[in-house]
Amino acid sequence: MMAYLIRRLLLTVFVLWGVGSLVFAVLRLAPGDPAALQLGITATHEQIAEFRHRTGLDRPIGLQYVTFLADASRLDFGDSTVSDAKASTLVLQRLPYTIGLAISAMALALILSFPLGMLAARSAGGPLDRGVSFLSISGQALPSFWVGVMLILVFSRDLKLFPSGGTGTLLHLVLPAVTLAAPLASVLTRLIRSGLIGVADEGYLQTARAKGMSERDVLIHHALPNVMIPVVTVAGLQFGHLLGGAVVVEVVFAWPGIGQLLVDSIANRDYGVVQACTFLIATIFLVVNLMVDLSYHYLDPRASALG
């Protein structure tokens, strides 16, 4: 266990270095001058030169990279060139909104996927199974921004049940959480359905039925635990994707999370904030993946993930 954790931590450091280096390179290679974008077309050459000197953009690219790595190792991404606040502070202020949205979407997806997947498995090949499969395929096929816009038009503009954007109450959370949960619930539903159908004829299930257990108890107590590893794997990976995939949803619903901040910072070429956002998202993604791998040991002691 300890050797495995050490290997994963070393791999995490390497991955974070790669992510940071890639973002650093992409930002510097992107067209446009950050100084001109920040100061506007009325800025003089002296003002642009002073801005570039103050932010370190006039230094050689190699020196900028070394400085970036040294500061990132201390979780210091500099100041925002837009608000003059610490980049890490701005990101941490937005983090609770994104985490809350991701957790809500994940909880909703799990609440929907387990009963739907079990119902589809119990009626495999029947009308209910085909209906659930149709909904699952539709949930995966429809783009999130379109689903979000349709939800706003129906439930906000026409029915006036939920706010169309912003934050402040739990009602503001409903539409963005549903939009994010729809594709994830579709994936998990199909995964649970196929997993339960795959083990339906296993001997231990036949034995449980022979003992007089109801089909519902057989599914919940015997079949479902044996399909949990792939479900946990996909759910864990998708939770990391929720943080990154929330960008589109946050923009559609004007949700003040990391995604909205990242889009605004990219448009403004705010290097420090962009680097802090991507670093934090990558870190959360890696931590979630590590927790998923560790959970294998408890879900199935036979799993060899821990080596």
Protein backbone atom coordinates (compact mmCIF):
# COMPACT_ATOMS: atom_id res chain seq x y z
CA MET A 1 0.00 0.00 0.00
CA MET A 2 2.70 2.51 0.99
CA ALA A 3 4.82 1.76 -2.07
CA TYR A 4 1.77 2.22 -4.28
CA LEU A 5 0.97 5.59 -2.68
CA ILE A 6 4.53 6.78 -3.15
CA ARG A 7 4.46 5.80 -6.84
CA ARG A 8 1.15 7.58 -7.35
CA LEU A 9 2.36 10.74 -5.60
CA LEU A 10 5.46 10.83 -7.77
CA LEU A 11 3.31 10.33 -10.85
CA THR A 12 1.02 13.13 -9.64
CA VAL A 13 3.94 15.54 -9.42
CA PHE A 14 5.05 14.58 -12.93
CA VAL A 15 1.54 15.04 -14.36
CA LEU A 16 1.12 18.42 -12.69
CA TRP A 17 4.46 19.52 -14.13
CA GLY A 18 3.30 18.43 -17.58
CA VAL A 19 -0.05 20.23 -17.24
CA GLY A 20 1.58 23.41 -16.00
CA SER A 21 4.20 23.36 -18.75
CA LEU A 22 1.60 22.77 -21.44
CA VAL A 23 -0.59 25.64 -20.24
CA PHE A 24 2.46 27.90 -19.97
CA ALA A 25 3.45 27.14 -23.57
CA VAL A 26 -0.07 27.49 -25.01
CA LEU A 27 -0.63 30.86 -23.36
CA ARG A 28 2.68 32.23 -24.64
CA LEU A 29 2.09 30.90 -28.16
CA ALA A 30 -1.44 32.29 -28.43
CA PRO A 31 -1.72 35.29 -30.76
CA GLY A 32 -2.13 38.76 -29.32
CA ASP A 33 -0.27 40.86 -26.80
CA PRO A 34 -1.65 40.62 -23.23
CA ALA A 35 -0.47 44.16 -22.51
CA ALA A 36 -2.38 45.57 -25.47
CA LEU A 37 -5.48 43.56 -24.55
CA GLN A 38 -5.39 44.74 -20.96
CA LEU A 39 -4.64 48.41 -21.59
CA GLY A 40 -6.75 48.87 -24.72
CA ILE A 41 -6.08 50.53 -28.04
CA THR A 42 -5.51 53.94 -26.45
CA ALA A 43 -2.45 52.78 -24.47
CA THR A 44 0.87 54.38 -25.31
CA HIS A 45 4.07 52.47 -26.01
CA GLU A 46 5.40 53.61 -22.63
CA GLN A 47 2.36 52.23 -20.81
CA ILE A 48 2.62 48.92 -22.65
CA ALA A 49 6.34 48.66 -21.88
CA GLU A 50 5.70 49.43 -18.20
CA PHE A 51 2.95 46.77 -18.05
CA ARG A 52 5.19 44.15 -19.66
CA HIS A 53 8.02 44.97 -17.25
CA ARG A 54 5.72 44.87 -14.21
CA THR A 55 4.29 41.47 -15.16
CA GLY A 56 7.62 40.01 -16.28
CA LEU A 57 6.56 39.57 -19.90
CA ASP A 58 9.66 41.37 -21.13
CA ARG A 59 11.95 38.67 -19.71
CA PRO A 60 13.33 35.84 -21.88
CA ILE A 61 10.87 32.98 -22.25
CA GLY A 62 13.24 30.54 -20.54
CA LEU A 63 13.52 32.76 -17.49
CA GLN A 64 9.74 33.15 -17.41
CA TYR A 65 9.37 29.37 -17.44
CA VAL A 66 11.86 28.82 -14.61
CA THR A 67 10.18 31.54 -12.56
CA PHE A 68 6.78 29.97 -13.23
CA LEU A 69 7.94 26.52 -12.04
CA ALA A 70 9.55 27.97 -8.91
CA ASP A 71 6.43 29.94 -8.03
CA ALA A 72 4.05 27.07 -8.88
CA SER A 73 5.96 24.77 -6.52
CA ARG A 74 4.93 27.18 -3.76
CA LEU A 75 1.35 27.39 -5.17
CA ASP A 76 2.03 31.02 -6.07
CA PHE A 77 0.70 31.94 -9.52
CA GLY A 78 1.23 35.66 -9.17
CA ASP A 79 -1.31 38.46 -9.29
CA SER A 80 -4.22 38.80 -11.66
CA THR A 81 -3.52 41.48 -14.24
CA VAL A 82 -7.22 42.36 -14.28
CA SER A 83 -8.05 42.79 -10.59
CA ASP A 84 -4.54 43.00 -9.04
CA ALA A 85 -5.57 40.30 -6.55
CA LYS A 86 -3.70 37.04 -6.02
CA ALA A 87 -4.60 34.55 -8.75
CA SER A 88 -4.84 31.71 -6.24
CA THR A 89 -7.18 33.79 -4.06
CA LEU A 90 -9.54 34.45 -6.97
CA VAL A 91 -9.65 30.76 -7.85
CA LEU A 92 -10.27 29.65 -4.28
CA GLN A 93 -13.12 32.16 -4.00
CA ARG A 94 -14.83 30.54 -7.01
CA LEU A 95 -14.00 26.94 -6.04
CA PRO A 96 -16.97 26.36 -3.66
CA TYR A 97 -19.43 27.20 -6.44
CA THR A 98 -17.90 24.70 -8.87
CA ILE A 99 -17.51 22.00 -6.21
CA GLY A 100 -21.11 22.48 -5.11
CA LEU A 101 -22.35 22.25 -8.68
CA ALA A 102 -20.26 19.14 -9.41
CA ILE A 103 -21.37 17.36 -6.21
CA SER A 104 -25.02 18.19 -6.88
CA ALA A 105 -24.78 16.89 -10.46
CA MET A 106 -23.01 13.72 -9.32
CA ALA A 107 -25.58 13.05 -6.58
CA LEU A 108 -28.46 13.59 -9.00
CA ALA A 109 -26.83 11.31 -11.60
CA LEU A 110 -26.38 8.51 -9.05
CA ILE A 111 -29.94 8.88 -7.74
CA LEU A 112 -31.30 8.53 -11.27
CA SER A 113 -28.94 5.94 -12.73
CA PHE A 114 -29.21 3.16 -10.14
CA PRO A 115 -32.99 2.67 -10.21
CA LEU A 116 -33.17 3.21 -13.98
CA GLY A 117 -30.32 0.76 -14.62
CA MET A 118 -31.88 -1.85 -12.35
CA LEU A 119 -35.33 -1.45 -13.92
CA ALA A 120 -33.86 -1.81 -17.41
CA ALA A 121 -31.90 -4.91 -16.38
CA ARG A 122 -34.94 -6.57 -14.83
CA SER A 123 -36.96 -6.05 -18.02
CA ALA A 124 -34.13 -6.65 -20.50
CA GLY A 125 -35.48 -6.57 -24.05
CA GLY A 126 -38.87 -5.26 -22.98
CA PRO A 127 -40.55 -1.90 -23.56
CA LEU A 128 -39.23 -0.45 -20.28
CA ASP A 129 -35.68 -1.46 -21.19
CA ARG A 130 -36.00 0.10 -24.64
CA GLY A 131 -37.43 3.29 -23.14
CA VAL A 132 -34.58 3.62 -20.64
CA SER A 133 -32.04 2.89 -23.38
CA PHE A 134 -33.57 5.59 -25.59
CA LEU A 135 -33.37 8.13 -22.76
CA SER A 136 -29.77 7.14 -22.01
CA ILE A 137 -28.65 7.47 -25.62
CA SER A 138 -30.44 10.81 -25.92
CA GLY A 139 -28.81 12.08 -22.73
CA GLN A 140 -25.37 11.26 -24.08
CA ALA A 141 -26.02 12.61 -27.58
CA LEU A 142 -27.49 16.01 -26.71
CA PRO A 143 -24.85 18.73 -26.13
CA SER A 144 -24.86 20.30 -22.68
CA PHE A 145 -25.19 23.88 -23.93
CA TRP A 146 -28.33 22.95 -25.91
CA VAL A 147 -29.86 21.12 -22.95
CA GLY A 148 -29.13 24.13 -20.74
CA VAL A 149 -30.74 26.57 -23.16
CA MET A 150 -33.82 24.35 -23.54
CA LEU A 151 -34.19 24.07 -19.76
CA ILE A 152 -33.98 27.84 -19.46
CA LEU A 153 -36.61 28.36 -22.16
CA VAL A 154 -39.05 25.83 -20.66
CA PHE A 155 -38.60 26.02 -16.89
CA SER A 156 -37.44 29.60 -16.53
CA ARG A 157 -39.02 31.64 -19.32
CA ASP A 158 -42.27 29.73 -19.88
CA LEU A 159 -43.06 28.01 -16.57
CA LYS A 160 -41.13 30.49 -14.39
CA LEU A 161 -40.21 27.74 -11.92
CA PHE A 162 -36.47 28.35 -11.67
CA PRO A 163 -34.13 31.29 -12.17
CA SER A 164 -32.41 31.42 -15.56
CA GLY A 165 -28.97 32.12 -14.12
CA GLY A 166 -26.86 33.43 -11.30
CA THR A 167 -26.68 32.13 -7.75
CA GLY A 168 -28.04 32.85 -4.31
CA THR A 169 -30.60 30.12 -3.55
CA LEU A 170 -30.98 26.39 -4.06
CA LEU A 171 -33.39 27.10 -6.92
CA HIS A 172 -30.49 28.65 -8.86
CA LEU A 173 -28.66 25.32 -8.58
CA VAL A 174 -31.40 23.11 -10.07
CA LEU A 175 -31.10 23.81 -13.80
CA PRO A 176 -27.28 23.77 -14.06
CA ALA A 177 -27.12 20.61 -11.92
CA VAL A 178 -29.67 18.84 -14.14
CA THR A 179 -27.78 19.92 -17.26
CA LEU A 180 -24.51 18.50 -15.93
CA ALA A 181 -26.13 15.35 -14.52
CA ALA A 182 -27.94 14.32 -17.71
CA PRO A 183 -24.97 12.88 -19.68
CA LEU A 184 -23.40 11.33 -16.58
CA ALA A 185 -26.67 9.66 -15.54
CA SER A 186 -27.00 8.29 -19.07
CA VAL A 187 -23.54 6.71 -18.99
CA LEU A 188 -24.01 5.21 -15.52
CA THR A 189 -27.48 3.89 -16.34
CA ARG A 190 -26.21 1.98 -19.37
CA LEU A 191 -23.20 0.74 -17.40
CA ILE A 192 -25.33 -0.56 -14.52
CA ARG A 193 -27.81 -2.15 -16.93
CA SER A 194 -25.14 -3.98 -18.93
CA GLY A 195 -23.31 -5.05 -15.78
CA LEU A 196 -26.43 -6.52 -14.17
CA ILE A 197 -27.40 -8.32 -17.37
CA GLY A 198 -23.87 -9.70 -17.65
CA VAL A 199 -24.02 -11.37 -14.21
CA ALA A 200 -27.70 -12.36 -14.38
CA ASP A 201 -26.94 -16.04 -15.02
CA GLU A 202 -24.05 -16.41 -12.59
CA GLY A 203 -24.23 -19.35 -10.20
CA TYR A 204 -24.28 -17.32 -7.02
CA LEU A 205 -27.38 -15.48 -8.21
CA GLN A 206 -29.11 -18.73 -9.08
CA THR A 207 -28.28 -20.00 -5.59
CA ALA A 208 -29.74 -16.86 -4.01
CA ARG A 209 -32.93 -17.27 -6.02
CA ALA A 210 -33.12 -20.94 -5.03
CA LYS A 211 -33.04 -19.88 -1.39
CA GLY A 212 -36.25 -17.94 -1.94
CA MET A 213 -34.85 -14.41 -2.18
CA SER A 214 -36.91 -11.94 -4.16
CA GLU A 215 -35.55 -10.68 -7.47
CA ARG A 216 -35.19 -7.22 -5.95
CA ASP A 217 -33.05 -8.51 -3.07
CA VAL A 218 -30.97 -10.62 -5.46
CA LEU A 219 -30.20 -7.53 -7.56
CA ILE A 220 -29.44 -5.24 -4.62
CA HIS A 221 -27.53 -7.59 -2.31
CA HIS A 222 -25.76 -9.92 -4.73
CA ALA A 223 -25.69 -8.64 -8.31
CA LEU A 224 -25.17 -4.91 -7.72
CA PRO A 225 -22.03 -5.21 -5.52
CA ASN A 226 -20.33 -7.17 -8.32
CA VAL A 227 -20.77 -4.36 -10.85
CA MET A 228 -19.68 -1.56 -8.53
CA ILE A 229 -16.02 -1.40 -9.59
CA PRO A 230 -16.71 -0.18 -13.15
CA VAL A 231 -19.45 2.11 -11.84
CA VAL A 232 -17.12 3.67 -9.25
CA THR A 233 -14.38 3.98 -11.88
CA VAL A 234 -16.57 5.83 -14.35
CA ALA A 235 -18.19 7.98 -11.64
CA GLY A 236 -14.78 8.97 -10.28
CA LEU A 237 -13.40 9.85 -13.69
CA GLN A 238 -16.56 11.73 -14.61
CA PHE A 239 -16.42 13.76 -11.41
CA GLY A 240 -13.08 15.11 -12.56
CA HIS A 241 -14.61 15.83 -15.96
CA LEU A 242 -17.52 17.62 -14.27
CA LEU A 243 -15.08 20.22 -12.98
CA GLY A 244 -13.74 20.84 -16.46
CA GLY A 245 -17.00 20.23 -18.28
CA ALA A 246 -18.77 22.70 -16.00
CA VAL A 247 -17.18 25.49 -18.06
CA VAL A 248 -19.94 25.45 -20.71
CA VAL A 249 -22.72 25.05 -18.15
CA GLU A 250 -21.36 27.84 -15.95
CA VAL A 251 -21.25 30.19 -18.93
CA VAL A 252 -24.81 29.31 -20.00
CA PHE A 253 -26.23 29.81 -16.50
CA ALA A 254 -23.87 32.65 -15.45
CA TRP A 255 -22.73 30.45 -12.58
CA PRO A 256 -19.78 32.15 -10.80
CA GLY A 257 -17.50 29.11 -10.64
CA ILE A 258 -14.03 28.24 -11.87
CA GLY A 259 -15.31 27.58 -15.39
CA GLN A 260 -16.69 31.10 -15.78
CA LEU A 261 -13.50 32.53 -14.29
CA LEU A 262 -11.37 30.45 -16.66
CA VAL A 263 -13.26 31.64 -19.75
CA ASP A 264 -12.99 35.29 -18.69
CA SER A 265 -9.30 34.92 -17.86
CA ILE A 266 -8.50 33.30 -21.22
CA ALA A 267 -10.27 36.12 -23.03
CA ASN A 268 -8.27 38.67 -21.04
CA ARG A 269 -5.01 36.69 -21.32
CA ASP A 270 -4.74 36.75 -17.53
CA TYR A 271 -1.88 34.25 -17.33
CA GLY A 272 -1.78 33.80 -13.57
CA VAL A 273 -5.48 33.05 -13.16
CA VAL A 274 -5.57 30.65 -16.14
CA GLN A 275 -2.59 28.73 -14.76
CA ALA A 276 -4.09 28.62 -11.26
CA CYS A 277 -7.45 27.34 -12.60
CA THR A 278 -5.94 24.57 -14.71
CA PHE A 279 -3.54 23.55 -11.94
CA LEU A 280 -6.37 23.26 -9.42
CA ILE A 281 -8.62 21.31 -11.80
CA ALA A 282 -5.78 18.91 -12.62
CA THR A 283 -5.00 18.43 -8.92
CA ILE A 284 -8.61 17.63 -8.04
CA PHE A 285 -8.85 15.23 -10.98
CA LEU A 286 -5.72 13.36 -9.85
CA VAL A 287 -6.86 13.21 -6.23
CA VAL A 288 -10.26 11.81 -7.24
CA ASN A 289 -8.58 9.19 -9.44
CA LEU A 290 -6.35 8.15 -6.54
CA MET A 291 -9.37 7.81 -4.24
CA VAL A 292 -11.12 5.68 -6.86
CA ASP A 293 -8.11 3.36 -7.16
CA LEU A 294 -7.87 3.02 -3.39
CA SER A 295 -11.58 2.18 -3.18
CA TYR A 296 -10.99 -0.95 -5.31
CA HIS A 297 -9.29 -2.60 -2.34
CA TYR A 298 -12.46 -2.25 -0.28
CA LEU A 299 -14.97 -2.98 -3.02
CA ASP A 300 -13.18 -6.16 -4.08
CA PRO A 301 -10.24 -7.50 -2.05
CA ARG A 302 -9.25 -9.56 -5.10
CA ALA A 303 -8.51 -6.42 -7.08
CA SER A 304 -4.83 -6.06 -7.83
CA ALA A 305 -4.85 -2.32 -8.37
CA LEU A 306 -2.68 -1.74 -5.31
CA GLY A 307 -0.01 -4.15 -6.54
